[in-house]
Protein backbone atom coordinates (compact mmCIF):
# COMPACT_ATOMS: atom_id res chain seq x y z
CA MET A 1 -1.84 3.96 37.10
CA LYS A 2 -5.19 4.92 38.32
CA ASN A 3 -7.54 3.29 40.61
CA ASP A 4 -10.90 2.83 38.82
CA LYS A 5 -14.43 2.59 40.37
CA TYR A 6 -14.22 -0.95 40.86
CA GLY A 7 -11.08 -0.94 42.85
CA ARG A 8 -8.89 -2.31 39.81
CA PHE A 9 -5.93 -0.54 38.70
CA THR A 10 -5.53 0.37 35.24
CA SER A 11 -3.00 1.61 32.74
CA HIS A 12 -3.34 4.36 30.49
CA SER A 13 0.09 4.14 28.57
CA GLU A 14 0.33 4.54 24.64
CA PRO A 15 1.86 1.96 22.73
CA GLY A 16 5.61 2.56 21.76
CA PRO A 17 7.37 2.25 18.74
CA GLY A 18 8.34 -1.37 19.00
CA ASP A 19 4.79 -2.32 19.79
CA GLY A 20 3.89 -1.37 16.16
CA GLY A 21 5.52 -4.43 14.91
CA ARG A 22 8.27 -2.93 13.63
CA THR A 23 11.30 -5.25 14.92
CA GLY A 24 13.94 -4.96 12.15
CA SER A 25 16.04 -2.72 14.61
CA TRP A 26 17.01 -5.62 16.93
CA ARG A 27 17.46 -8.34 14.22
CA VAL A 28 20.92 -9.85 14.84
CA VAL A 29 21.12 -11.62 11.27
CA ARG A 30 19.76 -10.72 7.85
CA PRO A 31 18.37 -12.91 5.27
CA ILE A 32 19.97 -12.24 1.56
CA ILE A 33 18.26 -13.86 -1.23
CA ASP A 34 20.75 -15.13 -4.23
CA LEU A 35 18.71 -14.60 -7.24
CA ALA A 36 20.59 -16.56 -9.44
CA LYS A 37 19.61 -19.88 -7.14
CA CYS A 38 16.01 -18.46 -6.58
CA ILE A 39 13.56 -20.80 -8.40
CA PRO A 40 11.15 -18.23 -9.42
CA VAL A 41 13.76 -15.95 -10.79
CA LYS A 42 15.43 -18.69 -12.82
CA SER A 43 12.26 -20.04 -13.98
CA ASN A 44 10.60 -16.64 -14.39
CA LYS A 45 7.22 -18.39 -12.93
CA MET A 46 5.22 -18.04 -9.86
CA ALA A 47 6.58 -21.37 -8.58
CA CYS A 48 8.07 -22.18 -5.11
CA PHE A 49 7.76 -19.30 -2.73
CA THR A 50 8.38 -21.62 0.01
CA CYS A 51 10.26 -18.61 1.88
CA TRP A 52 7.02 -16.56 1.67
CA LEU A 53 5.03 -19.36 2.85
CA TYR A 54 6.86 -20.03 5.83
CA CYS A 55 7.75 -16.59 7.04
CA PRO A 56 6.17 -16.15 10.30
CA ASP A 57 6.03 -12.33 9.95
CA ASN A 58 4.95 -12.17 6.34
CA VAL A 59 7.95 -10.01 5.30
CA ILE A 60 8.59 -11.77 1.96
CA THR A 61 6.82 -10.76 -1.14
CA ARG A 62 5.28 -13.19 -3.48
CA THR A 63 6.77 -11.46 -6.73
CA ILE A 64 9.62 -12.18 -9.07
CA PRO A 65 12.13 -11.45 -7.72
CA PRO A 66 11.09 -11.79 -4.19
CA THR A 67 11.74 -9.03 -1.75
CA ILE A 68 12.22 -8.93 1.96
CA ASP A 69 11.01 -6.18 4.18
CA TYR A 70 13.71 -5.45 6.78
CA GLU A 71 12.02 -3.02 8.47
CA TYR A 72 9.89 -5.80 9.99
CA CYS A 73 12.26 -8.90 9.53
CA LYS A 74 13.08 -10.37 12.85
CA GLY A 75 15.99 -12.54 11.27
CA CYS A 76 14.47 -15.75 12.57
CA GLU A 77 16.01 -17.67 9.69
CA ILE A 78 13.07 -19.76 8.93
CA CYS A 79 13.07 -18.68 5.56
CA ALA A 80 16.76 -19.99 4.94
CA GLU A 81 16.00 -23.27 6.49
CA GLU A 82 13.08 -23.96 4.48
CA CYS A 83 14.40 -22.71 0.85
CA PRO A 84 14.74 -25.76 -1.02
CA ALA A 85 17.18 -24.03 -3.40
CA ASP A 86 19.50 -22.77 -0.46
CA ALA A 87 18.98 -19.21 -2.23
CA ILE A 88 18.69 -17.59 0.95
CA THR A 89 21.75 -17.18 3.38
CA MET A 90 21.73 -15.33 6.81
CA VAL A 91 24.52 -12.69 6.97
CA GLU A 92 25.54 -10.80 10.39
CA GLU A 93 23.56 -7.39 10.45
CA ALA A 94 27.08 -5.92 11.73
CA GLU A 95 28.28 -6.17 7.96
CA PHE A 96 25.67 -3.98 6.76
CA VAL A 97 26.23 -1.40 9.76
CA LYS A 98 29.99 -1.06 8.81
CA LYS A 99 28.73 -0.72 5.12
CA GLU A 100 26.20 1.99 5.80
CA LYS A 101 29.02 4.11 7.97
């Protein structure tokens, strides 16, 4: 810290990797979309997308099929709660860590 000319302390720190918004590394549960239940996939129309609408981090695409950007997904479970077709389930992140090793 440095004392500026007005007698206040200021910080000259740089943002770290987490400050860029990539929060997927601390997610505990991961949303998985069951494409057999997903309304846009079943109807092949730009319909529903409730998960996209309610996602606070805007990590779900509005495409057919919808995809989730897991690098930024926090695992808040809002998409799974709001999905009218129950097409999104939350799976423990530890299951994916085991498969990746």
